[in-house]
Amino acid sequence: MKKTILLSILAFVLGAFSFLSVIYIQAPIQRLLTSSNFFYKINSLFLMALLYGLISAIIQRSFTLISASFSNTYALAGFLSGLGFGLVESIYFIYPYIANFGVKFLLSFDFFSRILSTIFHASCTGIVMIGIYEKKFALYFIPIVLIHTTIAGLSVFSQTAKIMEISFFIISFIVTIVLFVYFMFISNKMKIVLKGE
């Protein structure tokens, strides 16, 4: 039991460190693409947002899965790894706002969006880890990557004012709650969560 707790903590800590993949791998790849002629030849904001989101989804889910795989649990390790990633991501993006606006930022729309994002990452990684447990990795990974790609792509649209920010928040809220409830449902159905049992 003590080993399981320590390995669960490890999944959370490694998930938190996996956020570095965004800074050192994901962002440079996205910058490289956005500065290339190919990106502008596409001439479609929809396809650009989709490509941007796909890169985000594959890198973030891959690194949180790697972080979770060192633990001896599946659902819990996946959830904690995604939670660690989401918390560090939120702190990274929230800190400048708190520095500028102070504590009142904690009551803002953006702050609640970051909380949703953290739950989203935790649920996504937890679901895929259950897929690994059930030996149906692709069946779980591909839909999660598609959902993540869609949400990340929509965030690009919301930043370019193509859709209203409130619409994006509502869609993100619904998707995150559905994923979280689905994760809780399928993780409770698991009779065995320890590797090798």
N, C-alpha and C. Protein backbone atom coordinates (compact mmCIF):
# COMPACT_ATOMS: atom_id res chain seq x y z
N MET A 1 0.83 -1.20 0.00
CA MET A 1 0.00 0.00 0.00
C MET A 1 0.87 1.26 0.00
N LYS A 2 1.93 1.22 0.84
CA LYS A 2 2.83 2.37 0.91
C LYS A 2 3.51 2.60 -0.43
N LYS A 3 3.89 1.48 -1.09
CA LYS A 3 4.53 1.58 -2.41
C LYS A 3 3.58 2.20 -3.42
N THR A 4 2.30 1.80 -3.35
CA THR A 4 1.30 2.33 -4.27
C THR A 4 1.13 3.84 -4.09
N ILE A 5 1.12 4.28 -2.83
CA ILE A 5 0.98 5.71 -2.55
C ILE A 5 2.18 6.48 -3.09
N LEU A 6 3.37 5.95 -2.85
CA LEU A 6 4.60 6.62 -3.32
C LEU A 6 4.64 6.67 -4.85
N LEU A 7 4.22 5.58 -5.49
CA LEU A 7 4.21 5.56 -6.95
C LEU A 7 3.12 6.46 -7.53
N SER A 8 2.03 6.63 -6.81
CA SER A 8 0.99 7.56 -7.23
C SER A 8 1.49 9.00 -7.14
N ILE A 9 2.22 9.29 -6.07
CA ILE A 9 2.84 10.62 -5.92
C ILE A 9 3.84 10.84 -7.06
N LEU A 10 4.59 9.78 -7.38
CA LEU A 10 5.55 9.87 -8.48
C LEU A 10 4.85 10.20 -9.80
N ALA A 11 3.69 9.57 -10.04
CA ALA A 11 2.92 9.84 -11.27
C ALA A 11 2.52 11.31 -11.32
N PHE A 12 2.10 11.86 -10.19
CA PHE A 12 1.71 13.27 -10.12
C PHE A 12 2.89 14.18 -10.40
N VAL A 13 4.04 13.88 -9.75
CA VAL A 13 5.24 14.72 -9.91
C VAL A 13 5.76 14.65 -11.34
N LEU A 14 5.82 13.44 -11.90
CA LEU A 14 6.29 13.29 -13.29
C LEU A 14 5.32 13.96 -14.27
N GLY A 15 4.03 13.89 -13.96
CA GLY A 15 3.04 14.58 -14.78
C GLY A 15 3.27 16.08 -14.76
N ALA A 16 3.60 16.60 -13.57
CA ALA A 16 3.89 18.03 -13.44
C ALA A 16 5.11 18.41 -14.27
N PHE A 17 6.16 17.58 -14.18
CA PHE A 17 7.38 17.85 -14.96
C PHE A 17 7.15 17.67 -16.46
N SER A 18 6.17 16.85 -16.82
CA SER A 18 5.92 16.62 -18.25
C SER A 18 5.43 17.88 -18.96
N PHE A 19 5.03 18.90 -18.17
CA PHE A 19 4.64 20.16 -18.79
C PHE A 19 5.81 20.79 -19.55
N LEU A 20 7.02 20.43 -19.17
CA LEU A 20 8.20 20.94 -19.88
C LEU A 20 8.16 20.57 -21.36
N SER A 21 7.45 19.48 -21.67
CA SER A 21 7.33 19.07 -23.08
C SER A 21 6.60 20.14 -23.90
N VAL A 22 5.72 20.88 -23.26
CA VAL A 22 5.00 21.97 -23.96
C VAL A 22 5.99 23.08 -24.32
N ILE A 23 6.84 23.43 -23.36
CA ILE A 23 7.78 24.54 -23.57
C ILE A 23 8.90 24.17 -24.54
N TYR A 24 9.44 22.96 -24.39
CA TYR A 24 10.64 22.59 -25.15
C TYR A 24 10.40 21.73 -26.39
N ILE A 25 9.20 21.19 -26.54
CA ILE A 25 8.92 20.35 -27.72
C ILE A 25 7.71 20.88 -28.49
N GLN A 26 6.56 20.96 -27.81
CA GLN A 26 5.33 21.37 -28.49
C GLN A 26 5.41 22.79 -29.06
N ALA A 27 5.74 23.75 -28.22
CA ALA A 27 5.77 25.16 -28.66
C ALA A 27 6.77 25.38 -29.80
N PRO A 28 8.01 24.82 -29.72
CA PRO A 28 8.93 25.00 -30.86
C PRO A 28 8.41 24.41 -32.17
N ILE A 29 7.77 23.23 -32.09
CA ILE A 29 7.21 22.62 -33.30
C ILE A 29 6.09 23.51 -33.87
N GLN A 30 5.23 24.00 -32.99
CA GLN A 30 4.14 24.87 -33.45
C GLN A 30 4.68 26.18 -34.02
N ARG A 31 5.72 26.74 -33.39
CA ARG A 31 6.33 27.97 -33.92
C ARG A 31 6.96 27.72 -35.28
N LEU A 32 7.63 26.57 -35.42
CA LEU A 32 8.26 26.20 -36.68
C LEU A 32 7.21 26.10 -37.79
N LEU A 33 6.09 25.47 -37.47
CA LEU A 33 5.02 25.32 -38.46
C LEU A 33 4.39 26.66 -38.82
N THR A 34 4.11 27.48 -37.80
CA THR A 34 3.44 28.75 -38.07
C THR A 34 4.33 29.73 -38.83
N SER A 35 5.65 29.55 -38.72
CA SER A 35 6.56 30.44 -39.45
C SER A 35 6.94 29.89 -40.83
N SER A 36 6.45 28.69 -41.14
CA SER A 36 6.81 28.09 -42.43
C SER A 36 5.84 28.53 -43.52
N ASN A 37 6.30 28.45 -44.76
CA ASN A 37 5.46 28.77 -45.92
C ASN A 37 4.29 27.80 -46.04
N PHE A 38 4.53 26.54 -45.64
CA PHE A 38 3.50 25.51 -45.73
C PHE A 38 2.26 25.92 -44.94
N PHE A 39 2.48 26.46 -43.74
CA PHE A 39 1.38 26.85 -42.86
C PHE A 39 0.51 27.91 -43.53
N TYR A 40 1.14 28.86 -44.20
CA TYR A 40 0.38 29.94 -44.84
C TYR A 40 -0.24 29.52 -46.17
N LYS A 41 0.37 28.51 -46.81
CA LYS A 41 -0.19 28.00 -48.06
C LYS A 41 -1.51 27.26 -47.82
N ILE A 42 -1.68 26.75 -46.60
CA ILE A 42 -2.93 26.07 -46.27
C ILE A 42 -4.10 27.03 -46.47
N ASN A 43 -3.89 28.28 -46.05
CA ASN A 43 -4.87 29.36 -46.24
C ASN A 43 -6.25 29.02 -45.68
N SER A 44 -6.25 28.29 -44.57
CA SER A 44 -7.50 27.94 -43.91
C SER A 44 -7.27 27.96 -42.41
N LEU A 45 -7.95 28.88 -41.72
CA LEU A 45 -7.80 28.97 -40.27
C LEU A 45 -8.24 27.68 -39.61
N PHE A 46 -9.27 27.04 -40.17
CA PHE A 46 -9.78 25.78 -39.62
C PHE A 46 -8.70 24.71 -39.63
N LEU A 47 -8.04 24.51 -40.79
CA LEU A 47 -7.00 23.49 -40.89
C LEU A 47 -5.78 23.84 -40.05
N MET A 48 -5.45 25.12 -39.98
CA MET A 48 -4.33 25.55 -39.14
C MET A 48 -4.61 25.27 -37.67
N ALA A 49 -5.82 25.59 -37.24
CA ALA A 49 -6.20 25.35 -35.84
C ALA A 49 -6.20 23.85 -35.55
N LEU A 50 -6.66 23.07 -36.52
CA LEU A 50 -6.69 21.61 -36.37
C LEU A 50 -5.28 21.04 -36.23
N LEU A 51 -4.37 21.50 -37.06
CA LEU A 51 -2.99 21.04 -37.01
C LEU A 51 -2.33 21.47 -35.70
N TYR A 52 -2.57 22.69 -35.31
CA TYR A 52 -2.06 23.24 -34.05
C TYR A 52 -2.56 22.39 -32.88
N GLY A 53 -3.86 22.07 -32.91
CA GLY A 53 -4.46 21.27 -31.84
C GLY A 53 -3.97 19.84 -31.82
N LEU A 54 -3.75 19.26 -33.01
CA LEU A 54 -3.28 17.88 -33.10
C LEU A 54 -1.88 17.74 -32.49
N ILE A 55 -1.01 18.68 -32.79
CA ILE A 55 0.33 18.66 -32.21
C ILE A 55 0.25 18.73 -30.69
N SER A 56 -0.58 19.64 -30.21
CA SER A 56 -0.80 19.80 -28.77
C SER A 56 -1.30 18.51 -28.15
N ALA A 57 -2.32 17.91 -28.75
CA ALA A 57 -2.93 16.70 -28.21
C ALA A 57 -1.95 15.54 -28.14
N ILE A 58 -1.24 15.28 -29.22
CA ILE A 58 -0.32 14.14 -29.27
C ILE A 58 0.81 14.29 -28.26
N ILE A 59 1.42 15.46 -28.21
CA ILE A 59 2.55 15.67 -27.30
C ILE A 59 2.10 15.63 -25.84
N GLN A 60 1.04 16.33 -25.51
CA GLN A 60 0.60 16.38 -24.12
C GLN A 60 0.12 15.03 -23.62
N ARG A 61 -0.68 14.33 -24.41
CA ARG A 61 -1.16 13.02 -23.98
C ARG A 61 -0.02 12.01 -23.91
N SER A 62 0.91 12.06 -24.83
CA SER A 62 2.03 11.11 -24.82
C SER A 62 2.89 11.28 -23.58
N PHE A 63 3.23 12.51 -23.24
CA PHE A 63 4.11 12.74 -22.10
C PHE A 63 3.42 12.47 -20.77
N THR A 64 2.12 12.75 -20.66
CA THR A 64 1.43 12.42 -19.41
C THR A 64 1.27 10.90 -19.27
N LEU A 65 1.11 10.21 -20.40
CA LEU A 65 1.02 8.74 -20.35
C LEU A 65 2.36 8.13 -19.93
N ILE A 66 3.44 8.66 -20.47
CA ILE A 66 4.77 8.18 -20.07
C ILE A 66 4.96 8.39 -18.57
N SER A 67 4.55 9.54 -18.07
CA SER A 67 4.67 9.86 -16.64
C SER A 67 3.86 8.89 -15.79
N ALA A 68 2.68 8.51 -16.25
CA ALA A 68 1.80 7.61 -15.49
C ALA A 68 2.29 6.17 -15.52
N SER A 69 3.03 5.81 -16.54
CA SER A 69 3.43 4.40 -16.71
C SER A 69 4.45 3.93 -15.67
N PHE A 70 5.05 4.86 -14.92
CA PHE A 70 6.02 4.47 -13.90
C PHE A 70 5.35 4.04 -12.60
N SER A 71 4.06 4.30 -12.48
CA SER A 71 3.32 3.93 -11.28
C SER A 71 2.77 2.52 -11.43
N ASN A 72 2.35 1.91 -10.31
CA ASN A 72 1.79 0.56 -10.38
C ASN A 72 0.26 0.57 -10.44
N THR A 73 -0.31 1.74 -10.73
CA THR A 73 -1.75 1.81 -10.94
C THR A 73 -2.03 2.34 -12.34
N TYR A 74 -3.23 2.12 -12.78
CA TYR A 74 -3.61 2.57 -14.12
C TYR A 74 -4.47 3.83 -14.05
N ALA A 75 -5.74 3.68 -13.64
CA ALA A 75 -6.67 4.81 -13.62
C ALA A 75 -6.15 5.93 -12.72
N LEU A 76 -5.74 5.59 -11.51
CA LEU A 76 -5.28 6.60 -10.55
C LEU A 76 -4.02 7.30 -11.05
N ALA A 77 -3.07 6.52 -11.54
CA ALA A 77 -1.80 7.10 -12.03
C ALA A 77 -2.06 8.03 -13.21
N GLY A 78 -2.93 7.61 -14.11
CA GLY A 78 -3.26 8.46 -15.26
C GLY A 78 -3.91 9.76 -14.84
N PHE A 79 -4.86 9.66 -13.91
CA PHE A 79 -5.55 10.86 -13.44
C PHE A 79 -4.57 11.80 -12.75
N LEU A 80 -3.72 11.25 -11.89
CA LEU A 80 -2.76 12.08 -11.15
C LEU A 80 -1.71 12.70 -12.06
N SER A 81 -1.27 11.95 -13.06
CA SER A 81 -0.30 12.49 -14.01
C SER A 81 -0.90 13.67 -14.78
N GLY A 82 -2.13 13.50 -15.28
CA GLY A 82 -2.81 14.58 -15.97
C GLY A 82 -3.10 15.76 -15.06
N LEU A 83 -3.40 15.46 -13.79
CA LEU A 83 -3.66 16.52 -12.81
C LEU A 83 -2.40 17.34 -12.56
N GLY A 84 -1.27 16.65 -12.41
CA GLY A 84 0.01 17.34 -12.22
C GLY A 84 0.33 18.24 -13.41
N PHE A 85 0.15 17.70 -14.60
CA PHE A 85 0.38 18.48 -15.83
C PHE A 85 -0.53 19.70 -15.85
N GLY A 86 -1.83 19.48 -15.61
CA GLY A 86 -2.81 20.55 -15.67
C GLY A 86 -2.55 21.65 -14.65
N LEU A 87 -2.15 21.27 -13.45
CA LEU A 87 -1.87 22.27 -12.42
C LEU A 87 -0.68 23.15 -12.78
N VAL A 88 0.39 22.52 -13.27
CA VAL A 88 1.57 23.30 -13.66
C VAL A 88 1.23 24.20 -14.85
N GLU A 89 0.48 23.67 -15.81
CA GLU A 89 0.06 24.47 -16.96
C GLU A 89 -0.75 25.68 -16.49
N SER A 90 -1.67 25.45 -15.56
CA SER A 90 -2.50 26.54 -15.05
C SER A 90 -1.66 27.60 -14.33
N ILE A 91 -0.75 27.15 -13.49
CA ILE A 91 0.12 28.10 -12.77
C ILE A 91 0.96 28.89 -13.77
N TYR A 92 1.48 28.22 -14.77
CA TYR A 92 2.31 28.85 -15.80
C TYR A 92 1.55 29.97 -16.52
N PHE A 93 0.27 29.71 -16.84
CA PHE A 93 -0.51 30.69 -17.58
C PHE A 93 -1.19 31.72 -16.66
N ILE A 94 -1.47 31.31 -15.42
CA ILE A 94 -2.18 32.20 -14.50
C ILE A 94 -1.24 33.20 -13.82
N TYR A 95 -0.02 32.78 -13.53
CA TYR A 95 0.89 33.63 -12.75
C TYR A 95 1.01 35.07 -13.27
N PRO A 96 1.20 35.28 -14.58
CA PRO A 96 1.30 36.68 -15.07
C PRO A 96 0.04 37.49 -14.78
N TYR A 97 -1.13 36.84 -14.85
CA TYR A 97 -2.38 37.55 -14.59
C TYR A 97 -2.50 37.93 -13.11
N ILE A 98 -2.11 36.99 -12.23
CA ILE A 98 -2.16 37.30 -10.79
C ILE A 98 -1.18 38.42 -10.47
N ALA A 99 -0.01 38.40 -11.11
CA ALA A 99 0.98 39.45 -10.89
C ALA A 99 0.42 40.82 -11.31
N ASN A 100 -0.39 40.85 -12.36
CA ASN A 100 -0.96 42.11 -12.86
C ASN A 100 -2.25 42.53 -12.15
N PHE A 101 -3.13 41.53 -11.89
CA PHE A 101 -4.46 41.86 -11.38
C PHE A 101 -4.68 41.49 -9.92
N GLY A 102 -3.75 40.77 -9.34
CA GLY A 102 -3.88 40.39 -7.93
C GLY A 102 -4.90 39.29 -7.72
N VAL A 103 -5.37 39.19 -6.49
CA VAL A 103 -6.28 38.11 -6.09
C VAL A 103 -7.62 38.17 -6.83
N LYS A 104 -8.03 39.33 -7.28
CA LYS A 104 -9.32 39.43 -7.98
C LYS A 104 -9.36 38.59 -9.26
N PHE A 105 -8.17 38.23 -9.79
CA PHE A 105 -8.13 37.34 -10.95
C PHE A 105 -8.74 35.98 -10.62
N LEU A 106 -8.63 35.56 -9.35
CA LEU A 106 -9.15 34.26 -8.93
C LEU A 106 -10.67 34.17 -9.05
N LEU A 107 -11.33 35.30 -9.23
CA LEU A 107 -12.78 35.32 -9.42
C LEU A 107 -13.15 35.51 -10.89
N SER A 108 -12.16 35.46 -11.75
CA SER A 108 -12.41 35.75 -13.16
C SER A 108 -12.81 34.51 -13.95
N PHE A 109 -13.31 34.78 -15.13
CA PHE A 109 -13.71 33.77 -16.10
C PHE A 109 -12.51 32.91 -16.51
N ASP A 110 -11.36 33.55 -16.71
CA ASP A 110 -10.14 32.84 -17.13
C ASP A 110 -9.67 31.85 -16.07
N PHE A 111 -9.83 32.22 -14.81
CA PHE A 111 -9.41 31.32 -13.73
C PHE A 111 -10.24 30.03 -13.74
N PHE A 112 -11.54 30.16 -13.93
CA PHE A 112 -12.41 28.98 -13.99
C PHE A 112 -12.09 28.13 -15.22
N SER A 113 -11.68 28.78 -16.30
CA SER A 113 -11.27 28.05 -17.50
C SER A 113 -10.04 27.19 -17.22
N ARG A 114 -9.11 27.71 -16.41
CA ARG A 114 -7.90 26.96 -16.07
C ARG A 114 -8.23 25.75 -15.19
N ILE A 115 -9.21 25.91 -14.30
CA ILE A 115 -9.64 24.78 -13.46
C ILE A 115 -10.22 23.68 -14.35
N LEU A 116 -11.05 24.09 -15.31
CA LEU A 116 -11.61 23.13 -16.27
C LEU A 116 -10.51 22.41 -17.04
N SER A 117 -9.51 23.17 -17.46
CA SER A 117 -8.40 22.59 -18.22
C SER A 117 -7.66 21.53 -17.41
N THR A 118 -7.48 21.78 -16.12
CA THR A 118 -6.80 20.82 -15.25
C THR A 118 -7.59 19.52 -15.14
N ILE A 119 -8.90 19.63 -14.95
CA ILE A 119 -9.76 18.44 -14.86
C ILE A 119 -9.77 17.71 -16.20
N PHE A 120 -9.75 18.47 -17.30
CA PHE A 120 -9.72 17.89 -18.64
C PHE A 120 -8.47 17.01 -18.82
N HIS A 121 -7.30 17.56 -18.49
CA HIS A 121 -6.05 16.80 -18.63
C HIS A 121 -6.06 15.54 -17.77
N ALA A 122 -6.53 15.68 -16.53
CA ALA A 122 -6.57 14.54 -15.62
C ALA A 122 -7.49 13.44 -16.14
N SER A 123 -8.66 13.81 -16.60
CA SER A 123 -9.64 12.84 -17.10
C SER A 123 -9.14 12.14 -18.36
N CYS A 124 -8.57 12.92 -19.28
CA CYS A 124 -8.07 12.35 -20.54
C CYS A 124 -7.00 11.30 -20.30
N THR A 125 -6.02 11.64 -19.48
CA THR A 125 -4.92 10.69 -19.23
C THR A 125 -5.43 9.47 -18.46
N GLY A 126 -6.33 9.69 -17.50
CA GLY A 126 -6.91 8.57 -16.76
C GLY A 126 -7.65 7.61 -17.67
N ILE A 127 -8.43 8.15 -18.60
CA ILE A 127 -9.19 7.31 -19.54
C ILE A 127 -8.25 6.49 -20.42
N VAL A 128 -7.20 7.11 -20.94
CA VAL A 128 -6.28 6.37 -21.81
C VAL A 128 -5.53 5.29 -21.02
N MET A 129 -5.19 5.57 -19.77
CA MET A 129 -4.53 4.55 -18.95
C MET A 129 -5.44 3.36 -18.71
N ILE A 130 -6.74 3.59 -18.59
CA ILE A 130 -7.69 2.48 -18.48
C ILE A 130 -7.69 1.68 -19.79
N GLY A 131 -7.58 2.39 -20.91
CA GLY A 131 -7.47 1.71 -22.21
C GLY A 131 -6.25 0.81 -22.27
N ILE A 132 -5.14 1.28 -21.69
CA ILE A 132 -3.92 0.45 -21.65
C ILE A 132 -4.18 -0.78 -20.79
N TYR A 133 -4.83 -0.59 -19.64
CA TYR A 133 -5.16 -1.70 -18.75
C TYR A 133 -6.02 -2.74 -19.47
N GLU A 134 -6.98 -2.26 -20.24
CA GLU A 134 -7.90 -3.17 -20.94
C GLU A 134 -7.32 -3.69 -22.26
N LYS A 135 -6.06 -3.32 -22.54
CA LYS A 135 -5.38 -3.71 -23.78
C LYS A 135 -6.15 -3.24 -25.02
N LYS A 136 -6.70 -2.04 -24.91
CA LYS A 136 -7.42 -1.40 -26.01
C LYS A 136 -6.91 0.03 -26.17
N PHE A 137 -5.59 0.16 -26.19
CA PHE A 137 -4.96 1.48 -26.20
C PHE A 137 -5.49 2.38 -27.31
N ALA A 138 -5.46 1.89 -28.55
CA ALA A 138 -5.87 2.71 -29.70
C ALA A 138 -7.35 3.12 -29.60
N LEU A 139 -8.19 2.22 -29.07
CA LEU A 139 -9.61 2.48 -28.94
C LEU A 139 -9.90 3.64 -27.99
N TYR A 140 -9.00 3.86 -27.04
CA TYR A 140 -9.15 4.96 -26.09
C TYR A 140 -8.32 6.18 -26.49
N PHE A 141 -7.10 5.92 -26.96
CA PHE A 141 -6.18 7.01 -27.27
C PHE A 141 -6.66 7.88 -28.43
N ILE A 142 -7.10 7.25 -29.52
CA ILE A 142 -7.50 8.00 -30.72
C ILE A 142 -8.68 8.94 -30.44
N PRO A 143 -9.78 8.47 -29.79
CA PRO A 143 -10.87 9.42 -29.49
C PRO A 143 -10.43 10.56 -28.56
N ILE A 144 -9.59 10.25 -27.57
CA ILE A 144 -9.12 11.30 -26.65
C ILE A 144 -8.28 12.32 -27.41
N VAL A 145 -7.41 11.86 -28.30
CA VAL A 145 -6.60 12.79 -29.11
C VAL A 145 -7.50 13.65 -30.00
N LEU A 146 -8.54 13.05 -30.57
CA LEU A 146 -9.47 13.81 -31.42
C LEU A 146 -10.24 14.86 -30.61
N ILE A 147 -10.67 14.48 -29.41
CA ILE A 147 -11.37 15.43 -28.53
C ILE A 147 -10.43 16.56 -28.14
N HIS A 148 -9.20 16.18 -27.73
CA HIS A 148 -8.21 17.19 -27.33
C HIS A 148 -7.88 18.12 -28.50
N THR A 149 -7.73 17.55 -29.68
CA THR A 149 -7.45 18.34 -30.89
C THR A 149 -8.56 19.35 -31.14
N THR A 150 -9.79 18.90 -31.00
CA THR A 150 -10.95 19.78 -31.22
C THR A 150 -10.98 20.92 -30.22
N ILE A 151 -10.77 20.60 -28.94
CA ILE A 151 -10.79 21.64 -27.90
C ILE A 151 -9.65 22.63 -28.11
N ALA A 152 -8.45 22.11 -28.40
CA ALA A 152 -7.30 23.00 -28.63
C ALA A 152 -7.52 23.85 -29.88
N GLY A 153 -8.10 23.25 -30.92
CA GLY A 153 -8.40 23.99 -32.14
C GLY A 153 -9.43 25.09 -31.90
N LEU A 154 -10.45 24.77 -31.11
CA LEU A 154 -11.47 25.77 -30.77
C LEU A 154 -10.88 26.92 -29.96
N SER A 155 -9.89 26.60 -29.13
CA SER A 155 -9.26 27.67 -28.34
C SER A 155 -8.55 28.67 -29.26
N VAL A 156 -8.00 28.16 -30.38
CA VAL A 156 -7.38 29.05 -31.36
C VAL A 156 -8.44 29.98 -31.95
N PHE A 157 -9.61 29.41 -32.27
CA PHE A 157 -10.70 30.22 -32.81
C PHE A 157 -11.16 31.27 -31.80
N SER A 158 -11.25 30.87 -30.53
CA SER A 158 -11.72 31.82 -29.51
C SER A 158 -10.73 32.97 -29.33
N GLN A 159 -9.43 32.69 -29.51
CA GLN A 159 -8.41 33.73 -29.38
C GLN A 159 -8.39 34.66 -30.58
N THR A 160 -8.85 34.16 -31.72
CA THR A 160 -8.88 35.00 -32.91
C THR A 160 -10.25 35.65 -33.11
N ALA A 161 -11.09 35.51 -32.10
CA ALA A 161 -12.42 36.12 -32.09
C ALA A 161 -13.34 35.58 -33.18
N LYS A 162 -13.03 34.39 -33.71
CA LYS A 162 -13.91 33.78 -34.70
C LYS A 162 -15.15 33.20 -34.01
N ILE A 163 -14.99 32.75 -32.78
CA ILE A 163 -16.15 32.37 -31.98
C ILE A 163 -16.02 33.09 -30.64
N MET A 164 -17.13 33.30 -30.01
CA MET A 164 -17.09 34.03 -28.75
C MET A 164 -16.45 33.18 -27.66
N GLU A 165 -15.75 33.85 -26.75
CA GLU A 165 -15.07 33.16 -25.66
C GLU A 165 -16.05 32.39 -24.78
N ILE A 166 -17.22 32.94 -24.58
CA ILE A 166 -18.23 32.28 -23.74
C ILE A 166 -18.69 30.96 -24.37
N SER A 167 -18.79 30.93 -25.71
CA SER A 167 -19.17 29.70 -26.41
C SER A 167 -18.12 28.63 -26.20
N PHE A 168 -16.85 29.02 -26.30
CA PHE A 168 -15.75 28.08 -26.09
C PHE A 168 -15.79 27.55 -24.66
N PHE A 169 -16.05 28.43 -23.70
CA PHE A 169 -16.10 28.01 -22.30
C PHE A 169 -17.22 26.99 -22.09
N ILE A 170 -18.38 27.24 -22.68
CA ILE A 170 -19.52 26.32 -22.51
C ILE A 170 -19.20 24.96 -23.11
N ILE A 171 -18.62 24.95 -24.32
CA ILE A 171 -18.24 23.69 -24.97
C ILE A 171 -17.20 22.96 -24.13
N SER A 172 -16.18 23.68 -23.67
CA SER A 172 -15.12 23.08 -22.84
C SER A 172 -15.70 22.52 -21.55
N PHE A 173 -16.62 23.27 -20.95
CA PHE A 173 -17.25 22.84 -19.70
C PHE A 173 -18.00 21.52 -19.90
N ILE A 174 -18.82 21.45 -20.95
CA ILE A 174 -19.60 20.25 -21.22
C ILE A 174 -18.69 19.06 -21.51
N VAL A 175 -17.71 19.25 -22.37
CA VAL A 175 -16.79 18.16 -22.73
C VAL A 175 -16.02 17.68 -21.50
N THR A 176 -15.53 18.61 -20.68
CA THR A 176 -14.76 18.25 -19.49
C THR A 176 -15.61 17.48 -18.49
N ILE A 177 -16.83 17.92 -18.26
CA ILE A 177 -17.71 17.22 -17.31
C ILE A 177 -18.04 15.81 -17.82
N VAL A 178 -18.33 15.70 -19.12
CA VAL A 178 -18.64 14.38 -19.70
C VAL A 178 -17.44 13.45 -19.57
N LEU A 179 -16.23 13.95 -19.87
CA LEU A 179 -15.02 13.13 -19.75
C LEU A 179 -14.77 12.72 -18.30
N PHE A 180 -14.95 13.65 -17.37
CA PHE A 180 -14.73 13.35 -15.96
C PHE A 180 -15.72 12.29 -15.47
N VAL A 181 -17.00 12.46 -15.81
CA VAL A 181 -18.02 11.49 -15.40
C VAL A 181 -17.73 10.12 -16.03
N TYR A 182 -17.35 10.13 -17.31
CA TYR A 182 -17.01 8.88 -17.99
C TYR A 182 -15.80 8.21 -17.33
N PHE A 183 -14.78 9.00 -16.99
CA PHE A 183 -13.61 8.46 -16.30
C PHE A 183 -14.01 7.83 -14.97
N MET A 184 -14.82 8.54 -14.19
CA MET A 184 -15.25 8.01 -12.89
C MET A 184 -16.04 6.72 -13.06
N PHE A 185 -16.88 6.67 -14.08
CA PHE A 185 -17.70 5.49 -14.33
C PHE A 185 -16.84 4.29 -14.70
N ILE A 186 -15.94 4.45 -15.67
CA ILE A 186 -15.15 3.29 -16.11
C ILE A 186 -14.08 2.92 -15.10
N SER A 187 -13.57 3.88 -14.34
CA SER A 187 -12.56 3.53 -13.33
C SER A 187 -13.21 2.78 -12.17
N ASN A 188 -14.46 3.10 -11.85
CA ASN A 188 -15.17 2.36 -10.79
C ASN A 188 -15.53 0.95 -11.21
N LYS A 189 -15.64 0.74 -12.52
CA LYS A 189 -15.93 -0.61 -13.03
C LYS A 189 -14.70 -1.51 -13.00
N MET A 190 -13.53 -0.93 -12.87
CA MET A 190 -12.30 -1.73 -12.87
C MET A 190 -12.21 -2.53 -11.57
N LYS A 191 -12.10 -3.84 -11.70
CA LYS A 191 -11.95 -4.68 -10.52
C LYS A 191 -10.51 -4.68 -10.02
N ILE A 192 -9.59 -4.53 -10.97
CA ILE A 192 -8.16 -4.55 -10.63
C ILE A 192 -7.54 -3.28 -11.17
N VAL A 193 -6.85 -2.56 -10.31
CA VAL A 193 -6.17 -1.36 -10.77
C VAL A 193 -4.66 -1.47 -10.65
N LEU A 194 -4.18 -2.51 -9.96
CA LEU A 194 -2.75 -2.65 -9.79
C LEU A 194 -2.14 -3.47 -10.92
N LYS A 195 -1.01 -3.02 -11.43
CA LYS A 195 -0.32 -3.76 -12.47
C LYS A 195 0.14 -5.10 -11.90
N GLY A 196 -0.04 -6.12 -12.71
CA GLY A 196 0.49 -7.43 -12.33
C GLY A 196 -0.40 -8.23 -11.42
N GLU A 197 -1.52 -7.67 -10.96
CA GLU A 197 -2.41 -8.43 -10.10
C GLU A 197 -3.32 -9.34 -10.94
